[in-house]
Amino acid sequence: SEVRAVSYAVRCLAATLKESGHLDAERYVARMQSQIDNIDTYNG
């Protein structure tokens, strides 16, 4: 429940920042896609 709450908080923050023009969405998405692409390197 705590992890889900943090997840929703981050989503709301990112959406608010994008709506207001304070988030570079392309870079945000690119960074997350990089994490997905490199998933095999994360032992944790």
ModelCIF file with pLDDT and N, C-alpha, C, O atoms, coordinates in Angstrom:
data_MODEL
#
_entry.id   MODEL 
#
_entity.id                         1 
_entity.type                       polymer 
_entity.pdbx_number_of_molecules   1 
#
_entity_poly.entity_id                      1 
_entity_poly.type                           'polypeptide(L)' 
_entity_poly.nstd_linkage                   no 
_entity_poly.nstd_monomer                   no 
_entity_poly.pdbx_seq_one_letter_code       SEVRAVSYAVRCLAATLKESGHLDAERYVARMQSQIDNIDTYNG 
_entity_poly.pdbx_seq_one_letter_code_can   SEVRAVSYAVRCLAATLKESGHLDAERYVARMQSQIDNIDTYNG 
_entity_poly.pdbx_strand_id                 A 
#
loop_
_entity_poly_seq.entity_id 
_entity_poly_seq.num 
_entity_poly_seq.mon_id 
_entity_poly_seq.hetero 
1 1  SER n 
1 2  GLU n 
1 3  VAL n 
1 4  ARG n 
1 5  ALA n 
1 6  VAL n 
1 7  SER n 
1 8  TYR n 
1 9  ALA n 
1 10 VAL n 
1 11 ARG n 
1 12 CYS n 
1 13 LEU n 
1 14 ALA n 
1 15 ALA n 
1 16 THR n 
1 17 LEU n 
1 18 LYS n 
1 19 GLU n 
1 20 SER n 
1 21 GLY n 
1 22 HIS n 
1 23 LEU n 
1 24 ASP n 
1 25 ALA n 
1 26 GLU n 
1 27 ARG n 
1 28 TYR n 
1 29 VAL n 
1 30 ALA n 
1 31 ARG n 
1 32 MET n 
1 33 GLN n 
1 34 SER n 
1 35 GLN n 
1 36 ILE n 
1 37 ASP n 
1 38 ASN n 
1 39 ILE n 
1 40 ASP n 
1 41 THR n 
1 42 TYR n 
1 43 ASN n 
1 44 GLY n 
#
_struct_asym.id          A 
_struct_asym.entity_id   1 
#
loop_
_ma_qa_metric.id 
_ma_qa_metric.mode 
_ma_qa_metric.name 
_ma_qa_metric.software_group_id 
_ma_qa_metric.type 
1 global pLDDT . pLDDT 
2 local  pLDDT . pLDDT 
#
_ma_qa_metric_global.metric_id      1 
_ma_qa_metric_global.metric_value   91.39 
_ma_qa_metric_global.model_id       1 
_ma_qa_metric_global.ordinal_id     1 
#
loop_
_ma_qa_metric_local.label_asym_id 
_ma_qa_metric_local.label_comp_id 
_ma_qa_metric_local.label_seq_id 
_ma_qa_metric_local.metric_id 
_ma_qa_metric_local.metric_value 
_ma_qa_metric_local.model_id 
_ma_qa_metric_local.ordinal_id 
A SER 1  2 90.00 1 1  
A GLU 2  2 92.00 1 2  
A VAL 3  2 90.00 1 3  
A ARG 4  2 89.00 1 4  
A ALA 5  2 93.00 1 5  
A VAL 6  2 92.00 1 6  
A SER 7  2 91.00 1 7  
A TYR 8  2 91.00 1 8  
A ALA 9  2 94.00 1 9  
A VAL 10 2 94.00 1 10 
A ARG 11 2 92.00 1 11 
A CYS 12 2 94.00 1 12 
A LEU 13 2 94.00 1 13 
A ALA 14 2 93.00 1 14 
A ALA 15 2 93.00 1 15 
A THR 16 2 94.00 1 16 
A LEU 17 2 94.00 1 17 
A LYS 18 2 92.00 1 18 
A GLU 19 2 93.00 1 19 
A SER 20 2 93.00 1 20 
A GLY 21 2 92.00 1 21 
A HIS 22 2 94.00 1 22 
A LEU 23 2 93.00 1 23 
A ASP 24 2 93.00 1 24 
A ALA 25 2 91.00 1 25 
A GLU 26 2 93.00 1 26 
A ARG 27 2 94.00 1 27 
A TYR 28 2 92.00 1 28 
A VAL 29 2 94.00 1 29 
A ALA 30 2 95.00 1 30 
A ARG 31 2 93.00 1 31 
A MET 32 2 92.00 1 32 
A GLN 33 2 94.00 1 33 
A SER 34 2 94.00 1 34 
A GLN 35 2 90.00 1 35 
A ILE 36 2 92.00 1 36 
A ASP 37 2 93.00 1 37 
A ASN 38 2 91.00 1 38 
A ILE 39 2 88.00 1 39 
A ASP 40 2 86.00 1 40 
A THR 41 2 86.00 1 41 
A TYR 42 2 80.00 1 42 
A ASN 43 2 81.00 1 43 
A GLY 44 2 82.00 1 44 
#
loop_
_atom_site.group_PDB 
_atom_site.id 
_atom_site.type_symbol 
_atom_site.label_atom_id 
_atom_site.label_alt_id 
_atom_site.label_comp_id 
_atom_site.label_asym_id 
_atom_site.label_entity_id 
_atom_site.label_seq_id 
_atom_site.pdbx_PDB_ins_code 
_atom_site.Cartn_x 
_atom_site.Cartn_y 
_atom_site.Cartn_z 
_atom_site.occupancy 
_atom_site.B_iso_or_equiv 
_atom_site.pdbx_formal_charge 
_atom_site.auth_seq_id 
_atom_site.auth_comp_id 
_atom_site.auth_asym_id 
_atom_site.auth_atom_id 
_atom_site.pdbx_PDB_model_num 
ATOM 1   N N  . SER A 1 1  ? 0.828  -1.206 0.000   1.00 90.00 ? 1  SER A N  1 
ATOM 2   C CA . SER A 1 1  ? 0.000  0.000  0.000   1.00 90.00 ? 1  SER A CA 1 
ATOM 3   C C  . SER A 1 1  ? 0.862  1.256  0.000   1.00 90.00 ? 1  SER A C  1 
ATOM 4   O O  . SER A 1 1  ? 0.556  2.227  -0.692  1.00 90.00 ? 1  SER A O  1 
ATOM 5   N N  . GLU A 1 2  ? 1.922  1.234  0.766   1.00 92.00 ? 2  GLU A N  1 
ATOM 6   C CA . GLU A 1 2  ? 2.824  2.380  0.826   1.00 92.00 ? 2  GLU A CA 1 
ATOM 7   C C  . GLU A 1 2  ? 3.507  2.611  -0.523  1.00 92.00 ? 2  GLU A C  1 
ATOM 8   O O  . GLU A 1 2  ? 3.605  3.750  -0.980  1.00 92.00 ? 2  GLU A O  1 
ATOM 9   N N  . VAL A 1 3  ? 3.972  1.559  -1.149  1.00 90.00 ? 3  VAL A N  1 
ATOM 10  C CA . VAL A 1 3  ? 4.623  1.670  -2.453  1.00 90.00 ? 3  VAL A CA 1 
ATOM 11  C C  . VAL A 1 3  ? 3.637  2.187  -3.500  1.00 90.00 ? 3  VAL A C  1 
ATOM 12  O O  . VAL A 1 3  ? 3.998  3.009  -4.341  1.00 90.00 ? 3  VAL A O  1 
ATOM 13  N N  . ARG A 1 4  ? 2.407  1.711  -3.449  1.00 89.00 ? 4  ARG A N  1 
ATOM 14  C CA . ARG A 1 4  ? 1.395  2.191  -4.403  1.00 89.00 ? 4  ARG A CA 1 
ATOM 15  C C  . ARG A 1 4  ? 1.094  3.667  -4.181  1.00 89.00 ? 4  ARG A C  1 
ATOM 16  O O  . ARG A 1 4  ? 0.902  4.413  -5.141  1.00 89.00 ? 4  ARG A O  1 
ATOM 17  N N  . ALA A 1 5  ? 1.051  4.088  -2.930  1.00 93.00 ? 5  ALA A N  1 
ATOM 18  C CA . ALA A 1 5  ? 0.813  5.500  -2.633  1.00 93.00 ? 5  ALA A CA 1 
ATOM 19  C C  . ALA A 1 5  ? 1.934  6.370  -3.197  1.00 93.00 ? 5  ALA A C  1 
ATOM 20  O O  . ALA A 1 5  ? 1.677  7.422  -3.782  1.00 93.00 ? 5  ALA A O  1 
ATOM 21  N N  . VAL A 1 6  ? 3.161  5.931  -3.022  1.00 92.00 ? 6  VAL A N  1 
ATOM 22  C CA . VAL A 1 6  ? 4.300  6.670  -3.578  1.00 92.00 ? 6  VAL A CA 1 
ATOM 23  C C  . VAL A 1 6  ? 4.219  6.697  -5.103  1.00 92.00 ? 6  VAL A C  1 
ATOM 24  O O  . VAL A 1 6  ? 4.497  7.724  -5.723  1.00 92.00 ? 6  VAL A O  1 
ATOM 25  N N  . SER A 1 7  ? 3.845  5.589  -5.698  1.00 91.00 ? 7  SER A N  1 
ATOM 26  C CA . SER A 1 7  ? 3.700  5.514  -7.144  1.00 91.00 ? 7  SER A CA 1 
ATOM 27  C C  . SER A 1 7  ? 2.688  6.538  -7.651  1.00 91.00 ? 7  SER A C  1 
ATOM 28  O O  . SER A 1 7  ? 2.954  7.257  -8.613  1.00 91.00 ? 7  SER A O  1 
ATOM 29  N N  . TYR A 1 8  ? 1.528  6.599  -6.999  1.00 91.00 ? 8  TYR A N  1 
ATOM 30  C CA . TYR A 1 8  ? 0.506  7.568  -7.415  1.00 91.00 ? 8  TYR A CA 1 
ATOM 31  C C  . TYR A 1 8  ? 0.971  8.998  -7.183  1.00 91.00 ? 8  TYR A C  1 
ATOM 32  O O  . TYR A 1 8  ? 0.676  9.882  -7.988  1.00 91.00 ? 8  TYR A O  1 
ATOM 33  N N  . ALA A 1 9  ? 1.692  9.236  -6.097  1.00 94.00 ? 9  ALA A N  1 
ATOM 34  C CA . ALA A 1 9  ? 2.195  10.580 -5.819  1.00 94.00 ? 9  ALA A CA 1 
ATOM 35  C C  . ALA A 1 9  ? 3.169  11.030 -6.909  1.00 94.00 ? 9  ALA A C  1 
ATOM 36  O O  . ALA A 1 9  ? 3.118  12.178 -7.351  1.00 94.00 ? 9  ALA A O  1 
ATOM 37  N N  . VAL A 1 10 ? 4.047  10.136 -7.338  1.00 94.00 ? 10 VAL A N  1 
ATOM 38  C CA . VAL A 1 10 ? 5.003  10.466 -8.395  1.00 94.00 ? 10 VAL A CA 1 
ATOM 39  C C  . VAL A 1 10 ? 4.272  10.733 -9.706  1.00 94.00 ? 10 VAL A C  1 
ATOM 40  O O  . VAL A 1 10 ? 4.626  11.657 -10.438 1.00 94.00 ? 10 VAL A O  1 
ATOM 41  N N  . ARG A 1 11 ? 3.264  9.935  -10.003 1.00 92.00 ? 11 ARG A N  1 
ATOM 42  C CA . ARG A 1 11 ? 2.484  10.147 -11.225 1.00 92.00 ? 11 ARG A CA 1 
ATOM 43  C C  . ARG A 1 11 ? 1.795  11.498 -11.209 1.00 92.00 ? 11 ARG A C  1 
ATOM 44  O O  . ARG A 1 11 ? 1.813  12.220 -12.206 1.00 92.00 ? 11 ARG A O  1 
ATOM 45  N N  . CYS A 1 12 ? 1.189  11.840 -10.083 1.00 94.00 ? 12 CYS A N  1 
ATOM 46  C CA . CYS A 1 12 ? 0.506  13.130 -9.969  1.00 94.00 ? 12 CYS A CA 1 
ATOM 47  C C  . CYS A 1 12 ? 1.495  14.289 -10.089 1.00 94.00 ? 12 CYS A C  1 
ATOM 48  O O  . CYS A 1 12 ? 1.213  15.288 -10.750 1.00 94.00 ? 12 CYS A O  1 
ATOM 49  N N  . LEU A 1 13 ? 2.639  14.148 -9.454  1.00 94.00 ? 13 LEU A N  1 
ATOM 50  C CA . LEU A 1 13 ? 3.664  15.192 -9.533  1.00 94.00 ? 13 LEU A CA 1 
ATOM 51  C C  . LEU A 1 13 ? 4.143  15.371 -10.970 1.00 94.00 ? 13 LEU A C  1 
ATOM 52  O O  . LEU A 1 13 ? 4.240  16.497 -11.457 1.00 94.00 ? 13 LEU A O  1 
ATOM 53  N N  . ALA A 1 14 ? 4.440  14.278 -11.644 1.00 93.00 ? 14 ALA A N  1 
ATOM 54  C CA . ALA A 1 14 ? 4.906  14.366 -13.030 1.00 93.00 ? 14 ALA A CA 1 
ATOM 55  C C  . ALA A 1 14 ? 3.847  14.987 -13.931 1.00 93.00 ? 14 ALA A C  1 
ATOM 56  O O  . ALA A 1 14 ? 4.165  15.819 -14.781 1.00 93.00 ? 14 ALA A O  1 
ATOM 57  N N  . ALA A 1 15 ? 2.598  14.589 -13.752 1.00 93.00 ? 15 ALA A N  1 
ATOM 58  C CA . ALA A 1 15 ? 1.517  15.146 -14.566 1.00 93.00 ? 15 ALA A CA 1 
ATOM 59  C C  . ALA A 1 15 ? 1.372  16.642 -14.323 1.00 93.00 ? 15 ALA A C  1 
ATOM 60  O O  . ALA A 1 15 ? 1.195  17.411 -15.268 1.00 93.00 ? 15 ALA A O  1 
ATOM 61  N N  . THR A 1 16 ? 1.444  17.057 -13.071 1.00 94.00 ? 16 THR A N  1 
ATOM 62  C CA . THR A 1 16 ? 1.338  18.473 -12.733 1.00 94.00 ? 16 THR A CA 1 
ATOM 63  C C  . THR A 1 16 ? 2.487  19.262 -13.346 1.00 94.00 ? 16 THR A C  1 
ATOM 64  O O  . THR A 1 16 ? 2.281  20.341 -13.901 1.00 94.00 ? 16 THR A O  1 
ATOM 65  N N  . LEU A 1 17 ? 3.688  18.724 -13.244 1.00 94.00 ? 17 LEU A N  1 
ATOM 66  C CA . LEU A 1 17 ? 4.848  19.402 -13.812 1.00 94.00 ? 17 LEU A CA 1 
ATOM 67  C C  . LEU A 1 17 ? 4.757  19.494 -15.334 1.00 94.00 ? 17 LEU A C  1 
ATOM 68  O O  . LEU A 1 17 ? 5.129  20.514 -15.913 1.00 94.00 ? 17 LEU A O  1 
ATOM 69  N N  . LYS A 1 18 ? 4.276  18.457 -15.977 1.00 92.00 ? 18 LYS A N  1 
ATOM 70  C CA . LYS A 1 18 ? 4.140  18.493 -17.430 1.00 92.00 ? 18 LYS A CA 1 
ATOM 71  C C  . LYS A 1 18 ? 3.084  19.520 -17.838 1.00 92.00 ? 18 LYS A C  1 
ATOM 72  O O  . LYS A 1 18 ? 3.306  20.320 -18.747 1.00 92.00 ? 18 LYS A O  1 
ATOM 73  N N  . GLU A 1 19 ? 1.946  19.492 -17.166 1.00 93.00 ? 19 GLU A N  1 
ATOM 74  C CA . GLU A 1 19 ? 0.863  20.432 -17.492 1.00 93.00 ? 19 GLU A CA 1 
ATOM 75  C C  . GLU A 1 19 ? 1.319  21.881 -17.369 1.00 93.00 ? 19 GLU A C  1 
ATOM 76  O O  . GLU A 1 19 ? 0.920  22.733 -18.163 1.00 93.00 ? 19 GLU A O  1 
ATOM 77  N N  . SER A 1 20 ? 2.144  22.153 -16.384 1.00 93.00 ? 20 SER A N  1 
ATOM 78  C CA . SER A 1 20 ? 2.592  23.527 -16.150 1.00 93.00 ? 20 SER A CA 1 
ATOM 79  C C  . SER A 1 20 ? 3.810  23.906 -16.996 1.00 93.00 ? 20 SER A C  1 
ATOM 80  O O  . SER A 1 20 ? 4.272  25.046 -16.950 1.00 93.00 ? 20 SER A O  1 
ATOM 81  N N  . GLY A 1 21 ? 4.325  22.951 -17.765 1.00 92.00 ? 21 GLY A N  1 
ATOM 82  C CA . GLY A 1 21 ? 5.475  23.231 -18.620 1.00 92.00 ? 21 GLY A CA 1 
ATOM 83  C C  . GLY A 1 21 ? 6.814  23.124 -17.922 1.00 92.00 ? 21 GLY A C  1 
ATOM 84  O O  . GLY A 1 21 ? 7.828  23.573 -18.458 1.00 92.00 ? 21 GLY A O  1 
ATOM 85  N N  . HIS A 1 22 ? 6.838  22.536 -16.734 1.00 94.00 ? 22 HIS A N  1 
ATOM 86  C CA . HIS A 1 22 ? 8.073  22.422 -15.959 1.00 94.00 ? 22 HIS A CA 1 
ATOM 87  C C  . HIS A 1 22 ? 8.722  21.042 -16.029 1.00 94.00 ? 22 HIS A C  1 
ATOM 88  O O  . HIS A 1 22 ? 9.691  20.776 -15.317 1.00 94.00 ? 22 HIS A O  1 
ATOM 89  N N  . LEU A 1 23 ? 8.206  20.178 -16.867 1.00 93.00 ? 23 LEU A N  1 
ATOM 90  C CA . LEU A 1 23 ? 8.777  18.836 -17.011 1.00 93.00 ? 23 LEU A CA 1 
ATOM 91  C C  . LEU A 1 23 ? 9.111  18.597 -18.473 1.00 93.00 ? 23 LEU A C  1 
ATOM 92  O O  . LEU A 1 23 ? 8.259  18.760 -19.346 1.00 93.00 ? 23 LEU A O  1 
ATOM 93  N N  . ASP A 1 24 ? 10.340 18.214 -18.735 1.00 93.00 ? 24 ASP A N  1 
ATOM 94  C CA . ASP A 1 24 ? 10.737 17.810 -20.080 1.00 93.00 ? 24 ASP A CA 1 
ATOM 95  C C  . ASP A 1 24 ? 10.306 16.349 -20.241 1.00 93.00 ? 24 ASP A C  1 
ATOM 96  O O  . ASP A 1 24 ? 11.052 15.426 -19.914 1.00 93.00 ? 24 ASP A O  1 
ATOM 97  N N  . ALA A 1 25 ? 9.099  16.164 -20.749 1.00 91.00 ? 25 ALA A N  1 
ATOM 98  C CA . ALA A 1 25 ? 8.506  14.827 -20.830 1.00 91.00 ? 25 ALA A CA 1 
ATOM 99  C C  . ALA A 1 25 ? 9.327  13.875 -21.685 1.00 91.00 ? 25 ALA A C  1 
ATOM 100 O O  . ALA A 1 25 ? 9.411  12.684 -21.385 1.00 91.00 ? 25 ALA A O  1 
ATOM 101 N N  . GLU A 1 26 ? 9.928  14.388 -22.741 1.00 93.00 ? 26 GLU A N  1 
ATOM 102 C CA . GLU A 1 26 ? 10.741 13.512 -23.601 1.00 93.00 ? 26 GLU A CA 1 
ATOM 103 C C  . GLU A 1 26 ? 11.919 12.936 -22.826 1.00 93.00 ? 26 GLU A C  1 
ATOM 104 O O  . GLU A 1 26 ? 12.215 11.747 -22.942 1.00 93.00 ? 26 GLU A O  1 
ATOM 105 N N  . ARG A 1 27 ? 12.588 13.761 -22.045 1.00 94.00 ? 27 ARG A N  1 
ATOM 106 C CA . ARG A 1 27 ? 13.722 13.276 -21.253 1.00 94.00 ? 27 ARG A CA 1 
ATOM 107 C C  . ARG A 1 27 ? 13.259 12.342 -20.140 1.00 94.00 ? 27 ARG A C  1 
ATOM 108 O O  . ARG A 1 27 ? 13.910 11.339 -19.849 1.00 94.00 ? 27 ARG A O  1 
ATOM 109 N N  . TYR A 1 28 ? 12.134 12.677 -19.525 1.00 92.00 ? 28 TYR A N  1 
ATOM 110 C CA . TYR A 1 28 ? 11.554 11.844 -18.462 1.00 92.00 ? 28 TYR A CA 1 
ATOM 111 C C  . TYR A 1 28 ? 11.260 10.445 -18.993 1.00 92.00 ? 28 TYR A C  1 
ATOM 112 O O  . TYR A 1 28 ? 11.624 9.444  -18.375 1.00 92.00 ? 28 TYR A O  1 
ATOM 113 N N  . VAL A 1 29 ? 10.598 10.390 -20.145 1.00 94.00 ? 29 VAL A N  1 
ATOM 114 C CA . VAL A 1 29 ? 10.262 9.103  -20.759 1.00 94.00 ? 29 VAL A CA 1 
ATOM 115 C C  . VAL A 1 29 ? 11.526 8.375  -21.204 1.00 94.00 ? 29 VAL A C  1 
ATOM 116 O O  . VAL A 1 29 ? 11.641 7.163  -21.020 1.00 94.00 ? 29 VAL A O  1 
ATOM 117 N N  . ALA A 1 30 ? 12.462 9.096  -21.779 1.00 95.00 ? 30 ALA A N  1 
ATOM 118 C CA . ALA A 1 30 ? 13.706 8.471  -22.246 1.00 95.00 ? 30 ALA A CA 1 
ATOM 119 C C  . ALA A 1 30 ? 14.479 7.834  -21.086 1.00 95.00 ? 30 ALA A C  1 
ATOM 120 O O  . ALA A 1 30 ? 15.051 6.753  -21.228 1.00 95.00 ? 30 ALA A O  1 
ATOM 121 N N  . ARG A 1 31 ? 14.487 8.510  -19.953 1.00 93.00 ? 31 ARG A N  1 
ATOM 122 C CA . ARG A 1 31 ? 15.189 7.947  -18.786 1.00 93.00 ? 31 ARG A CA 1 
ATOM 123 C C  . ARG A 1 31 ? 14.514 6.687  -18.281 1.00 93.00 ? 31 ARG A C  1 
ATOM 124 O O  . ARG A 1 31 ? 15.184 5.720  -17.917 1.00 93.00 ? 31 ARG A O  1 
ATOM 125 N N  . MET A 1 32 ? 13.198 6.695  -18.259 1.00 92.00 ? 32 MET A N  1 
ATOM 126 C CA . MET A 1 32 ? 12.499 5.487  -17.817 1.00 92.00 ? 32 MET A CA 1 
ATOM 127 C C  . MET A 1 32 ? 12.673 4.360  -18.824 1.00 92.00 ? 32 MET A C  1 
ATOM 128 O O  . MET A 1 32 ? 12.845 3.204  -18.439 1.00 92.00 ? 32 MET A O  1 
ATOM 129 N N  . GLN A 1 33 ? 12.631 4.688  -20.101 1.00 94.00 ? 33 GLN A N  1 
ATOM 130 C CA . GLN A 1 33 ? 12.823 3.660  -21.123 1.00 94.00 ? 33 GLN A CA 1 
ATOM 131 C C  . GLN A 1 33 ? 14.221 3.060  -21.006 1.00 94.00 ? 33 GLN A C  1 
ATOM 132 O O  . GLN A 1 33 ? 14.405 1.863  -21.230 1.00 94.00 ? 33 GLN A O  1 
ATOM 133 N N  . SER A 1 34 ? 15.190 3.874  -20.663 1.00 94.00 ? 34 SER A N  1 
ATOM 134 C CA . SER A 1 34 ? 16.555 3.385  -20.454 1.00 94.00 ? 34 SER A CA 1 
ATOM 135 C C  . SER A 1 34 ? 16.605 2.381  -19.304 1.00 94.00 ? 34 SER A C  1 
ATOM 136 O O  . SER A 1 34 ? 17.321 1.383  -19.378 1.00 94.00 ? 34 SER A O  1 
ATOM 137 N N  . GLN A 1 35 ? 15.845 2.647  -18.245 1.00 90.00 ? 35 GLN A N  1 
ATOM 138 C CA . GLN A 1 35 ? 15.792 1.705  -17.126 1.00 90.00 ? 35 GLN A CA 1 
ATOM 139 C C  . GLN A 1 35 ? 15.188 0.376  -17.567 1.00 90.00 ? 35 GLN A C  1 
ATOM 140 O O  . GLN A 1 35 ? 15.659 -0.694 -17.183 1.00 90.00 ? 35 GLN A O  1 
ATOM 141 N N  . ILE A 1 36 ? 14.146 0.462  -18.373 1.00 92.00 ? 36 ILE A N  1 
ATOM 142 C CA . ILE A 1 36 ? 13.504 -0.755 -18.884 1.00 92.00 ? 36 ILE A CA 1 
ATOM 143 C C  . ILE A 1 36 ? 14.470 -1.526 -19.776 1.00 92.00 ? 36 ILE A C  1 
ATOM 144 O O  . ILE A 1 36 ? 14.585 -2.747 -19.671 1.00 92.00 ? 36 ILE A O  1 
ATOM 145 N N  . ASP A 1 37 ? 15.155 -0.811 -20.647 1.00 93.00 ? 37 ASP A N  1 
ATOM 146 C CA . ASP A 1 37 ? 16.081 -1.448 -21.588 1.00 93.00 ? 37 ASP A CA 1 
ATOM 147 C C  . ASP A 1 37 ? 17.262 -2.117 -20.887 1.00 93.00 ? 37 ASP A C  1 
ATOM 148 O O  . ASP A 1 37 ? 17.850 -3.059 -21.418 1.00 93.00 ? 37 ASP A O  1 
ATOM 149 N N  . ASN A 1 38 ? 17.608 -1.628 -19.694 1.00 91.00 ? 38 ASN A N  1 
ATOM 150 C CA . ASN A 1 38 ? 18.759 -2.157 -18.958 1.00 91.00 ? 38 ASN A CA 1 
ATOM 151 C C  . ASN A 1 38 ? 18.355 -2.988 -17.745 1.00 91.00 ? 38 ASN A C  1 
ATOM 152 O O  . ASN A 1 38 ? 19.145 -3.151 -16.816 1.00 91.00 ? 38 ASN A O  1 
ATOM 153 N N  . ILE A 1 39 ? 17.158 -3.503 -17.746 1.00 88.00 ? 39 ILE A N  1 
ATOM 154 C CA . ILE A 1 39 ? 16.618 -4.231 -16.595 1.00 88.00 ? 39 ILE A CA 1 
ATOM 155 C C  . ILE A 1 39 ? 17.505 -5.410 -16.179 1.00 88.00 ? 39 ILE A C  1 
ATOM 156 O O  . ILE A 1 39 ? 17.572 -5.740 -14.995 1.00 88.00 ? 39 ILE A O  1 
ATOM 157 N N  . ASP A 1 40 ? 18.168 -6.030 -17.115 1.00 86.00 ? 40 ASP A N  1 
ATOM 158 C CA . ASP A 1 40 ? 18.987 -7.199 -16.788 1.00 86.00 ? 40 ASP A CA 1 
ATOM 159 C C  . ASP A 1 40 ? 20.204 -6.859 -15.944 1.00 86.00 ? 40 ASP A C  1 
ATOM 160 O O  . ASP A 1 40 ? 20.837 -7.756 -15.386 1.00 86.00 ? 40 ASP A O  1 
ATOM 161 N N  . THR A 1 41 ? 20.544 -5.578 -15.841 1.00 86.00 ? 41 THR A N  1 
ATOM 162 C CA . THR A 1 41 ? 21.701 -5.180 -15.035 1.00 86.00 ? 41 THR A CA 1 
ATOM 163 C C  . THR A 1 41 ? 21.335 -4.888 -13.584 1.00 86.00 ? 41 THR A C  1 
ATOM 164 O O  . THR A 1 41 ? 22.223 -4.632 -12.771 1.00 86.00 ? 41 THR A O  1 
ATOM 165 N N  . TYR A 1 42 ? 20.038 -4.920 -13.239 1.00 80.00 ? 42 TYR A N  1 
ATOM 166 C CA . TYR A 1 42 ? 19.600 -4.604 -11.887 1.00 80.00 ? 42 TYR A CA 1 
ATOM 167 C C  . TYR A 1 42 ? 19.418 -5.882 -11.079 1.00 80.00 ? 42 TYR A C  1 
ATOM 168 O O  . TYR A 1 42 ? 18.421 -6.590 -11.227 1.00 80.00 ? 42 TYR A O  1 
ATOM 169 N N  . ASN A 1 43 ? 20.381 -6.162 -10.236 1.00 81.00 ? 43 ASN A N  1 
ATOM 170 C CA . ASN A 1 43 ? 20.316 -7.369 -9.409  1.00 81.00 ? 43 ASN A CA 1 
ATOM 171 C C  . ASN A 1 43 ? 19.305 -7.237 -8.280  1.00 81.00 ? 43 ASN A C  1 
ATOM 172 O O  . ASN A 1 43 ? 18.803 -8.248 -7.789  1.00 81.00 ? 43 ASN A O  1 
ATOM 173 N N  . GLY A 1 44 ? 18.996 -6.025 -7.859  1.00 82.00 ? 44 GLY A N  1 
ATOM 174 C CA . GLY A 1 44 ? 18.092 -5.813 -6.739  1.00 82.00 ? 44 GLY A CA 1 
ATOM 175 C C  . GLY A 1 44 ? 16.618 -5.916 -7.084  1.00 82.00 ? 44 GLY A C  1 
ATOM 176 O O  . GLY A 1 44 ? 15.767 -5.754 -6.211  1.00 82.00 ? 44 GLY A O  1 
#
